Amino acid sequence: KAPSTLSGPYDDVPKPAKAEKMDWEVELGIVIGKPCR
């Protein structure tokens, strides 16, 4: 996902003009803290 997708937890989300089938997906997110290879 592009980094520009990031949004706040209470900020309204605009439906894109070209989006025909906008869907939801609740997920657990992991934040990386150290370089990992």
PDB file of all heavy atoms in Angstrom:
ATOM      1  N   LYS A   1       0.868  -1.177   0.000  1.00  0.00           N
ATOM      2  CA  LYS A   1       0.000   0.000   0.000  1.00  0.00           C
ATOM      3  C   LYS A   1       0.906   1.229   0.000  1.00  0.00           C
ATOM      4  O   LYS A   1       1.944   1.242   0.671  1.00  0.00           O
ATOM      5  CB  LYS A   1      -0.903   0.028   1.234  1.00  0.00           C
ATOM      6  CG  LYS A   1      -1.988  -1.041   1.228  1.00  0.00           C
ATOM      7  CD  LYS A   1      -2.794  -1.032   2.508  1.00  0.00           C
ATOM      8  CE  LYS A   1      -3.822   0.076   2.592  1.00  0.00           C
ATOM      9  NZ  LYS A   1      -5.060  -0.208   1.853  1.00  0.00           N
ATOM     10  N   ALA A   2       0.539   2.249  -0.740  1.00  0.00           N
ATOM     11  CA  ALA A   2       1.340   3.464  -0.781  1.00  0.00           C
ATOM     12  C   ALA A   2       1.366   4.123   0.598  1.00  0.00           C
ATOM     13  O   ALA A   2       0.352   4.136   1.302  1.00  0.00           O
ATOM     14  CB  ALA A   2       0.770   4.440  -1.801  1.00  0.00           C
ATOM     15  N   PRO A   3       2.511   4.691   1.015  1.00  0.00           N
ATOM     16  CA  PRO A   3       2.552   5.409   2.305  1.00  0.00           C
ATOM     17  C   PRO A   3       1.543   6.546   2.397  1.00  0.00           C
ATOM     18  O   PRO A   3       1.125   6.916   3.495  1.00  0.00           O
ATOM     19  CB  PRO A   3       3.993   5.923   2.362  1.00  0.00           C
ATOM     20  CG  PRO A   3       4.780   4.939   1.547  1.00  0.00           C
ATOM     21  CD  PRO A   3       3.850   4.567   0.417  1.00  0.00           C
ATOM     22  N   SER A   4       1.114   7.084   1.260  1.00  0.00           N
ATOM     23  CA  SER A   4       0.129   8.170   1.262  1.00  0.00           C
ATOM     24  C   SER A   4      -1.268   7.699   1.654  1.00  0.00           C
ATOM     25  O   SER A   4      -2.184   8.514   1.780  1.00  0.00           O
ATOM     26  CB  SER A   4       0.078   8.838  -0.119  1.00  0.00           C
ATOM     27  OG  SER A   4      -0.172   7.881  -1.134  1.00  0.00           O
ATOM     28  N   THR A   5      -1.458   6.395   1.870  1.00  0.00           N
ATOM     29  CA  THR A   5      -2.753   5.888   2.341  1.00  0.00           C
ATOM     30  C   THR A   5      -2.968   6.143   3.832  1.00  0.00           C
ATOM     31  O   THR A   5      -4.095   6.035   4.315  1.00  0.00           O
ATOM     32  CB  THR A   5      -2.885   4.373   2.100  1.00  0.00           C
ATOM     33  OG1 THR A   5      -1.825   3.696   2.783  1.00  0.00           O
ATOM     34  CG2 THR A   5      -2.830   4.037   0.625  1.00  0.00           C
ATOM     35  N   LEU A   6      -1.907   6.466   4.558  1.00  0.00           N
ATOM     36  CA  LEU A   6      -2.009   6.590   6.011  1.00  0.00           C
ATOM     37  C   LEU A   6      -3.021   7.665   6.405  1.00  0.00           C
ATOM     38  O   LEU A   6      -3.081   8.739   5.802  1.00  0.00           O
ATOM     39  CB  LEU A   6      -0.638   6.928   6.588  1.00  0.00           C
ATOM     40  CG  LEU A   6      -0.342   6.371   7.990  1.00  0.00           C
ATOM     41  CD1 LEU A   6      -0.313   4.850   7.949  1.00  0.00           C
ATOM     42  CD2 LEU A   6       0.976   6.915   8.511  1.00  0.00           C
ATOM     43  N   SER A   7      -3.815   7.381   7.438  1.00  0.00           N
ATOM     44  CA  SER A   7      -4.856   8.295   7.885  1.00  0.00           C
ATOM     45  C   SER A   7      -5.051   8.124   9.380  1.00  0.00           C
ATOM     46  O   SER A   7      -4.658   7.100   9.965  1.00  0.00           O
ATOM     47  CB  SER A   7      -6.161   8.003   7.139  1.00  0.00           C
ATOM     48  OG  SER A   7      -7.181   8.913   7.483  1.00  0.00           O
ATOM     49  N   GLY A   8      -5.651   9.126  10.019  1.00  0.00           N
ATOM     50  CA  GLY A   8      -5.912   9.066  11.447  1.00  0.00           C
ATOM     51  C   GLY A   8      -7.109   8.196  11.787  1.00  0.00           C
ATOM     52  O   GLY A   8      -7.937   7.877  10.931  1.00  0.00           O
ATOM     53  N   PRO A   9      -7.247   7.830  13.064  1.00  0.00           N
ATOM     54  CA  PRO A   9      -8.278   6.872  13.474  1.00  0.00           C
ATOM     55  C   PRO A   9      -9.689   7.422  13.501  1.00  0.00           C
ATOM     56  O   PRO A   9     -10.647   6.647  13.588  1.00  0.00           O
ATOM     57  CB  PRO A   9      -7.829   6.473  14.885  1.00  0.00           C
ATOM     58  CG  PRO A   9      -7.091   7.675  15.392  1.00  0.00           C
ATOM     59  CD  PRO A   9      -6.377   8.227  14.194  1.00  0.00           C
ATOM     60  N   TYR A  10      -9.837   8.753  13.439  1.00  0.00           N
ATOM     61  CA  TYR A  10     -11.166   9.356  13.477  1.00  0.00           C
ATOM     62  C   TYR A  10     -11.393  10.312  12.315  1.00  0.00           C
ATOM     63  O   TYR A  10     -12.401  11.033  12.293  1.00  0.00           O
ATOM     64  CB  TYR A  10     -11.363  10.093  14.814  1.00  0.00           C
ATOM     65  CG  TYR A  10     -11.013   9.253  16.019  1.00  0.00           C
ATOM     66  CD1 TYR A  10      -9.981   9.625  16.877  1.00  0.00           C
ATOM     67  CD2 TYR A  10     -11.697   8.077  16.301  1.00  0.00           C
ATOM     68  CE1 TYR A  10      -9.647   8.850  17.981  1.00  0.00           C
ATOM     69  CE2 TYR A  10     -11.364   7.286  17.392  1.00  0.00           C
ATOM     70  CZ  TYR A  10     -10.337   7.684  18.230  1.00  0.00           C
ATOM     71  OH  TYR A  10     -10.006   6.900  19.318  1.00  0.00           O
ATOM     72  N   ASP A  11     -10.481  10.327  11.362  1.00  0.00           N
ATOM     73  CA  ASP A  11     -10.608  11.219  10.211  1.00  0.00           C
ATOM     74  C   ASP A  11     -11.522  10.595   9.162  1.00  0.00           C
ATOM     75  O   ASP A  11     -11.343   9.424   8.790  1.00  0.00           O
ATOM     76  CB  ASP A  11      -9.239  11.489   9.582  1.00  0.00           C
ATOM     77  CG  ASP A  11      -8.300  12.247  10.507  1.00  0.00           C
ATOM     78  OD1 ASP A  11      -8.805  12.934  11.421  1.00  0.00           O
ATOM     79  OD2 ASP A  11      -7.074  12.150  10.325  1.00  0.00           O
ATOM     80  N   ASP A  12     -12.472  11.356   8.661  1.00  0.00           N
ATOM     81  CA  ASP A  12     -13.330  10.851   7.601  1.00  0.00           C
ATOM     82  C   ASP A  12     -12.503  10.421   6.396  1.00  0.00           C
ATOM     83  O   ASP A  12     -11.438  10.985   6.108  1.00  0.00           O
ATOM     84  CB  ASP A  12     -14.334  11.921   7.171  1.00  0.00           C
ATOM     85  CG  ASP A  12     -15.402  12.169   8.226  1.00  0.00           C
ATOM     86  OD1 ASP A  12     -15.544  11.340   9.149  1.00  0.00           O
ATOM     87  OD2 ASP A  12     -16.094  13.192   8.127  1.00  0.00           O
ATOM     88  N   VAL A  13     -12.988   9.409   5.702  1.00  0.00           N
ATOM     89  CA  VAL A  13     -12.297   8.871   4.530  1.00  0.00           C
ATOM     90  C   VAL A  13     -13.135   9.170   3.285  1.00  0.00           C
ATOM     91  O   VAL A  13     -14.272   8.697   3.176  1.00  0.00           O
ATOM     92  CB  VAL A  13     -12.078   7.348   4.653  1.00  0.00           C
ATOM     93  CG1 VAL A  13     -11.408   6.798   3.388  1.00  0.00           C
ATOM     94  CG2 VAL A  13     -11.238   7.032   5.886  1.00  0.00           C
ATOM     95  N   PRO A  14     -12.614   9.946   2.347  1.00  0.00           N
ATOM     96  CA  PRO A  14     -13.395  10.242   1.138  1.00  0.00           C
ATOM     97  C   PRO A  14     -13.446   9.040   0.204  1.00  0.00           C
ATOM     98  O   PRO A  14     -12.445   8.367  -0.011  1.00  0.00           O
ATOM     99  CB  PRO A  14     -12.625  11.404   0.505  1.00  0.00           C
ATOM    100  CG  PRO A  14     -11.214  11.238   0.996  1.00  0.00           C
ATOM    101  CD  PRO A  14     -11.314  10.643   2.365  1.00  0.00           C
ATOM    102  N   LYS A  15     -14.616   8.770  -0.325  1.00  0.00           N
ATOM    103  CA  LYS A  15     -14.749   7.716  -1.332  1.00  0.00           C
ATOM    104  C   LYS A  15     -14.173   8.247  -2.650  1.00  0.00           C
ATOM    105  O   LYS A  15     -14.626   9.271  -3.165  1.00  0.00           O
ATOM    106  CB  LYS A  15     -16.214   7.342  -1.522  1.00  0.00           C
ATOM    107  CG  LYS A  15     -16.443   6.251  -2.555  1.00  0.00           C
ATOM    108  CD  LYS A  15     -17.928   5.955  -2.688  1.00  0.00           C
ATOM    109  CE  LYS A  15     -18.164   4.873  -3.738  1.00  0.00           C
ATOM    110  NZ  LYS A  15     -17.808   5.341  -5.103  1.00  0.00           N
ATOM    111  N   PRO A  16     -13.159   7.569  -3.209  1.00  0.00           N
ATOM    112  CA  PRO A  16     -12.577   8.053  -4.463  1.00  0.00           C
ATOM    113  C   PRO A  16     -13.607   8.080  -5.593  1.00  0.00           C
ATOM    114  O   PRO A  16     -14.482   7.210  -5.675  1.00  0.00           O
ATOM    115  CB  PRO A  16     -11.464   7.036  -4.751  1.00  0.00           C
ATOM    116  CG  PRO A  16     -11.148   6.421  -3.422  1.00  0.00           C
ATOM    117  CD  PRO A  16     -12.450   6.385  -2.690  1.00  0.00           C
ATOM    118  N   ALA A  17     -13.473   9.049  -6.459  1.00  0.00           N
ATOM    119  CA  ALA A  17     -14.442   9.216  -7.548  1.00  0.00           C
ATOM    120  C   ALA A  17     -14.508   7.984  -8.448  1.00  0.00           C
ATOM    121  O   ALA A  17     -15.573   7.640  -8.965  1.00  0.00           O
ATOM    122  CB  ALA A  17     -14.085  10.457  -8.365  1.00  0.00           C
ATOM    123  N   LYS A  18     -13.395   7.307  -8.628  1.00  0.00           N
ATOM    124  CA  LYS A  18     -13.347   6.155  -9.533  1.00  0.00           C
ATOM    125  C   LYS A  18     -13.567   4.819  -8.823  1.00  0.00           C
ATOM    126  O   LYS A  18     -13.570   3.767  -9.462  1.00  0.00           O
ATOM    127  CB  LYS A  18     -11.995   6.120 -10.254  1.00  0.00           C
ATOM    128  CG  LYS A  18     -11.694   7.355 -11.113  1.00  0.00           C
ATOM    129  CD  LYS A  18     -12.628   7.476 -12.286  1.00  0.00           C
ATOM    130  CE  LYS A  18     -12.234   8.630 -13.195  1.00  0.00           C
ATOM    131  NZ  LYS A  18     -13.169   8.794 -14.334  1.00  0.00           N
ATOM    132  N   ALA A  19     -13.731   4.855  -7.511  1.00  0.00           N
ATOM    133  CA  ALA A  19     -13.910   3.607  -6.766  1.00  0.00           C
ATOM    134  C   ALA A  19     -15.334   3.099  -6.935  1.00  0.00           C
ATOM    135  O   ALA A  19     -16.298   3.802  -6.629  1.00  0.00           O
ATOM    136  CB  ALA A  19     -13.598   3.833  -5.288  1.00  0.00           C
ATOM    137  N   GLU A  20     -15.485   1.892  -7.431  1.00  0.00           N
ATOM    138  CA  GLU A  20     -16.798   1.306  -7.676  1.00  0.00           C
ATOM    139  C   GLU A  20     -17.199   0.279  -6.614  1.00  0.00           C
ATOM    140  O   GLU A  20     -18.384   0.039  -6.406  1.00  0.00           O
ATOM    141  CB  GLU A  20     -16.797   0.616  -9.043  1.00  0.00           C
ATOM    142  CG  GLU A  20     -16.494   1.552 -10.208  1.00  0.00           C
ATOM    143  CD  GLU A  20     -16.349   0.795 -11.525  1.00  0.00           C
ATOM    144  OE1 GLU A  20     -16.572  -0.437 -11.523  1.00  0.00           O
ATOM    145  OE2 GLU A  20     -16.013   1.438 -12.539  1.00  0.00           O
ATOM    146  N   LYS A  21     -16.199  -0.323  -5.951  1.00  0.00           N
ATOM    147  CA  LYS A  21     -16.475  -1.413  -5.015  1.00  0.00           C
ATOM    148  C   LYS A  21     -15.607  -1.242  -3.770  1.00  0.00           C
ATOM    149  O   LYS A  21     -14.781  -2.083  -3.439  1.00  0.00           O
ATOM    150  CB  LYS A  21     -16.197  -2.777  -5.680  1.00  0.00           C
ATOM    151  CG  LYS A  21     -17.055  -3.054  -6.911  1.00  0.00           C
ATOM    152  CD  LYS A  21     -16.710  -4.404  -7.523  1.00  0.00           C
ATOM    153  CE  LYS A  21     -17.584  -4.701  -8.737  1.00  0.00           C
ATOM    154  NZ  LYS A  21     -17.238  -6.034  -9.337  1.00  0.00           N
ATOM    155  N   MET A  22     -15.832  -0.140  -3.049  1.00  0.00           N
ATOM    156  CA  MET A  22     -15.024   0.175  -1.873  1.00  0.00           C
ATOM    157  C   MET A  22     -15.407  -0.739  -0.712  1.00  0.00           C
ATOM    158  O   MET A  22     -16.577  -0.882  -0.367  1.00  0.00           O
ATOM    159  CB  MET A  22     -15.223   1.647  -1.496  1.00  0.00           C
ATOM    160  CG  MET A  22     -14.302   2.139  -0.406  1.00  0.00           C
ATOM    161  SD  MET A  22     -14.527   3.929  -0.159  1.00  0.00           S
ATOM    162  CE  MET A  22     -13.484   4.197   1.265  1.00  0.00           C
ATOM    163  N   ASP A  23     -14.397  -1.332  -0.090  1.00  0.00           N
ATOM    164  CA  ASP A  23     -14.605  -2.386   0.904  1.00  0.00           C
ATOM    165  C   ASP A  23     -13.776  -2.096   2.154  1.00  0.00           C
ATOM    166  O   ASP A  23     -12.839  -1.299   2.136  1.00  0.00           O
ATOM    167  CB  ASP A  23     -14.209  -3.733   0.302  1.00  0.00           C
ATOM    168  CG  ASP A  23     -14.928  -4.919   0.923  1.00  0.00           C
ATOM    169  OD1 ASP A  23     -15.573  -4.757   1.975  1.00  0.00           O
ATOM    170  OD2 ASP A  23     -14.834  -6.020   0.347  1.00  0.00           O
ATOM    171  N   TRP A  24     -14.106  -2.771   3.246  1.00  0.00           N
ATOM    172  CA  TRP A  24     -13.449  -2.611   4.541  1.00  0.00           C
ATOM    173  C   TRP A  24     -12.667  -3.877   4.897  1.00  0.00           C
ATOM    174  O   TRP A  24     -13.015  -4.985   4.466  1.00  0.00           O
ATOM    175  CB  TRP A  24     -14.506  -2.342   5.615  1.00  0.00           C
ATOM    176  CG  TRP A  24     -15.562  -3.431   5.667  1.00  0.00           C
ATOM    177  CD1 TRP A  24     -15.506  -4.624   6.340  1.00  0.00           C
ATOM    178  CD2 TRP A  24     -16.827  -3.442   4.984  1.00  0.00           C
ATOM    179  NE1 TRP A  24     -16.645  -5.365   6.128  1.00  0.00           N
ATOM    180  CE2 TRP A  24     -17.467  -4.668   5.310  1.00  0.00           C
ATOM    181  CE3 TRP A  24     -17.487  -2.526   4.149  1.00  0.00           C
ATOM    182  CZ2 TRP A  24     -18.736  -4.998   4.816  1.00  0.00           C
ATOM    183  CZ3 TRP A  24     -18.738  -2.861   3.665  1.00  0.00           C
ATOM    184  CH2 TRP A  24     -19.358  -4.071   3.992  1.00  0.00           C
ATOM    185  N   GLU A  25     -11.630  -3.753   5.725  1.00  0.00           N
ATOM    186  CA  GLU A  25     -10.861  -4.908   6.203  1.00  0.00           C
ATOM    187  C   GLU A  25     -10.149  -4.519   7.492  1.00  0.00           C
ATOM    188  O   GLU A  25      -9.095  -3.878   7.455  1.00  0.00           O
ATOM    189  CB  GLU A  25      -9.818  -5.359   5.174  1.00  0.00           C
ATOM    190  CG  GLU A  25     -10.373  -5.849   3.856  1.00  0.00           C
ATOM    191  CD  GLU A  25      -9.295  -6.448   2.960  1.00  0.00           C
ATOM    192  OE1 GLU A  25      -8.485  -7.252   3.459  1.00  0.00           O
ATOM    193  OE2 GLU A  25      -9.257  -6.098   1.770  1.00  0.00           O
ATOM    194  N   VAL A  26     -10.688  -4.893   8.648  1.00  0.00           N
ATOM    195  CA  VAL A  26     -10.011  -4.632   9.904  1.00  0.00           C
ATOM    196  C   VAL A  26      -8.794  -5.552  10.034  1.00  0.00           C
ATOM    197  O   VAL A  26      -8.872  -6.740   9.711  1.00  0.00           O
ATOM    198  CB  VAL A  26     -10.968  -4.818  11.098  1.00  0.00           C
ATOM    199  CG1 VAL A  26     -11.550  -6.226  11.164  1.00  0.00           C
ATOM    200  CG2 VAL A  26     -10.282  -4.463  12.408  1.00  0.00           C
ATOM    201  N   GLU A  27      -7.664  -4.990  10.491  1.00  0.00           N
ATOM    202  CA  GLU A  27      -6.430  -5.772  10.543  1.00  0.00           C
ATOM    203  C   GLU A  27      -5.545  -5.352  11.718  1.00  0.00           C
ATOM    204  O   GLU A  27      -5.568  -4.201  12.167  1.00  0.00           O
ATOM    205  CB  GLU A  27      -5.631  -5.612   9.243  1.00  0.00           C
ATOM    206  CG  GLU A  27      -6.445  -5.933   8.000  1.00  0.00           C
ATOM    207  CD  GLU A  27      -5.605  -6.305   6.789  1.00  0.00           C
ATOM    208  OE1 GLU A  27      -4.368  -6.416   6.919  1.00  0.00           O
ATOM    209  OE2 GLU A  27      -6.202  -6.471   5.707  1.00  0.00           O
ATOM    210  N   LEU A  28      -4.757  -6.306  12.168  1.00  0.00           N
ATOM    211  CA  LEU A  28      -3.678  -6.057  13.115  1.00  0.00           C
ATOM    212  C   LEU A  28      -2.459  -5.558  12.351  1.00  0.00           C
ATOM    213  O   LEU A  28      -2.057  -6.165  11.346  1.00  0.00           O
ATOM    214  CB  LEU A  28      -3.325  -7.358  13.844  1.00  0.00           C
ATOM    215  CG  LEU A  28      -2.059  -7.344  14.694  1.00  0.00           C
ATOM    216  CD1 LEU A  28      -2.256  -6.506  15.950  1.00  0.00           C
ATOM    217  CD2 LEU A  28      -1.651  -8.768  15.059  1.00  0.00           C
ATOM    218  N   GLY A  29      -1.878  -4.444  12.806  1.00  0.00           N
ATOM    219  CA  GLY A  29      -0.678  -3.910  12.168  1.00  0.00           C
ATOM    220  C   GLY A  29       0.544  -4.090  13.047  1.00  0.00           C
ATOM    221  O   GLY A  29       0.484  -3.939  14.278  1.00  0.00           O
ATOM    222  N   ILE A  30       1.663  -4.430  12.433  1.00  0.00           N
ATOM    223  CA  ILE A  30       2.959  -4.569  13.098  1.00  0.00           C
ATOM    224  C   ILE A  30       3.827  -3.376  12.715  1.00  0.00           C
ATOM    225  O   ILE A  30       3.945  -3.058  11.530  1.00  0.00           O
ATOM    226  CB  ILE A  30       3.681  -5.859  12.650  1.00  0.00           C
ATOM    227  CG1 ILE A  30       2.854  -7.108  12.966  1.00  0.00           C
ATOM    228  CG2 ILE A  30       5.070  -5.960  13.276  1.00  0.00           C
ATOM    229  CD1 ILE A  30       3.401  -8.377  12.301  1.00  0.00           C
ATOM    230  N   VAL A  31       4.446  -2.741  13.695  1.00  0.00           N
ATOM    231  CA  VAL A  31       5.407  -1.680  13.424  1.00  0.00           C
ATOM    232  C   VAL A  31       6.809  -2.217  13.697  1.00  0.00           C
ATOM    233  O   VAL A  31       7.092  -2.714  14.791  1.00  0.00           O
ATOM    234  CB  VAL A  31       5.125  -0.426  14.275  1.00  0.00           C
ATOM    235  CG1 VAL A  31       6.196   0.632  14.045  1.00  0.00           C
ATOM    236  CG2 VAL A  31       3.747   0.136  13.937  1.00  0.00           C
ATOM    237  N   ILE A  32       7.659  -2.136  12.695  1.00  0.00           N
ATOM    238  CA  ILE A  32       9.025  -2.644  12.802  1.00  0.00           C
ATOM    239  C   ILE A  32       9.885  -1.639  13.568  1.00  0.00           C
ATOM    240  O   ILE A  32       9.822  -0.433  13.325  1.00  0.00           O
ATOM    241  CB  ILE A  32       9.614  -2.907  11.397  1.00  0.00           C
ATOM    242  CG1 ILE A  32       8.747  -3.923  10.634  1.00  0.00           C
ATOM    243  CG2 ILE A  32      11.062  -3.386  11.497  1.00  0.00           C
ATOM    244  CD1 ILE A  32       8.652  -5.285  11.281  1.00  0.00           C
ATOM    245  N   GLY A  33      10.700  -2.152  14.491  1.00  0.00           N
ATOM    246  CA  GLY A  33      11.518  -1.277  15.315  1.00  0.00           C
ATOM    247  C   GLY A  33      13.002  -1.350  15.045  1.00  0.00           C
ATOM    248  O   GLY A  33      13.740  -0.426  15.413  1.00  0.00           O
ATOM    249  N   LYS A  34      13.453  -2.433  14.400  1.00  0.00           N
ATOM    250  CA  LYS A  34      14.884  -2.612  14.133  1.00  0.00           C
ATOM    251  C   LYS A  34      15.077  -3.145  12.720  1.00  0.00           C
ATOM    252  O   LYS A  34      14.198  -3.838  12.187  1.00  0.00           O
ATOM    253  CB  LYS A  34      15.496  -3.603  15.131  1.00  0.00           C
ATOM    254  CG  LYS A  34      15.427  -3.166  16.579  1.00  0.00           C
ATOM    255  CD  LYS A  34      16.000  -4.235  17.493  1.00  0.00           C
ATOM    256  CE  LYS A  34      15.915  -3.810  18.956  1.00  0.00           C
ATOM    257  NZ  LYS A  34      16.431  -4.859  19.868  1.00  0.00           N
ATOM    258  N   PRO A  35      16.217  -2.849  12.087  1.00  0.00           N
ATOM    259  CA  PRO A  35      16.474  -3.422  10.759  1.00  0.00           C
ATOM    260  C   PRO A  35      16.370  -4.939  10.800  1.00  0.00           C
ATOM    261  O   PRO A  35      16.823  -5.578  11.754  1.00  0.00           O
ATOM    262  CB  PRO A  35      17.904  -2.959  10.453  1.00  0.00           C
ATOM    263  CG  PRO A  35      18.110  -1.756  11.296  1.00  0.00           C
ATOM    264  CD  PRO A  35      17.317  -1.996  12.554  1.00  0.00           C
ATOM    265  N   CYS A  36      15.778  -5.483   9.767  1.00  0.00           N
ATOM    266  CA  CYS A  36      15.417  -6.899   9.786  1.00  0.00           C
ATOM    267  C   CYS A  36      15.687  -7.488   8.408  1.00  0.00           C
ATOM    268  O   CYS A  36      15.023  -7.133   7.430  1.00  0.00           O
ATOM    269  CB  CYS A  36      13.939  -6.999  10.166  1.00  0.00           C
ATOM    270  SG  CYS A  36      13.314  -8.653  10.422  1.00  0.00           S
ATOM    271  N   ARG A  37      16.660  -8.386   8.327  1.00  0.00           N
ATOM    272  CA  ARG A  37      17.016  -8.996   7.049  1.00  0.00           C
ATOM    273  C   ARG A  37      17.340 -10.467   7.274  1.00  0.00           C
ATOM    274  O   ARG A  37      18.209 -10.807   8.077  1.00  0.00           O
ATOM    275  CB  ARG A  37      18.223  -8.283   6.432  1.00  0.00           C
ATOM    276  CG  ARG A  37      18.650  -8.816   5.066  1.00  0.00           C
ATOM    277  CD  ARG A  37      19.934  -8.164   4.562  1.00  0.00           C
ATOM    278  NE  ARG A  37      19.819  -6.715   4.441  1.00  0.00           N
ATOM    279  CZ  ARG A  37      20.464  -5.858   5.245  1.00  0.00           C
ATOM    280  NH1 ARG A  37      21.240  -6.308   6.222  1.00  0.00           N
ATOM    281  NH2 ARG A  37      20.326  -4.556   5.061  1.00  0.00           N
TER     282      ARG A  37
END
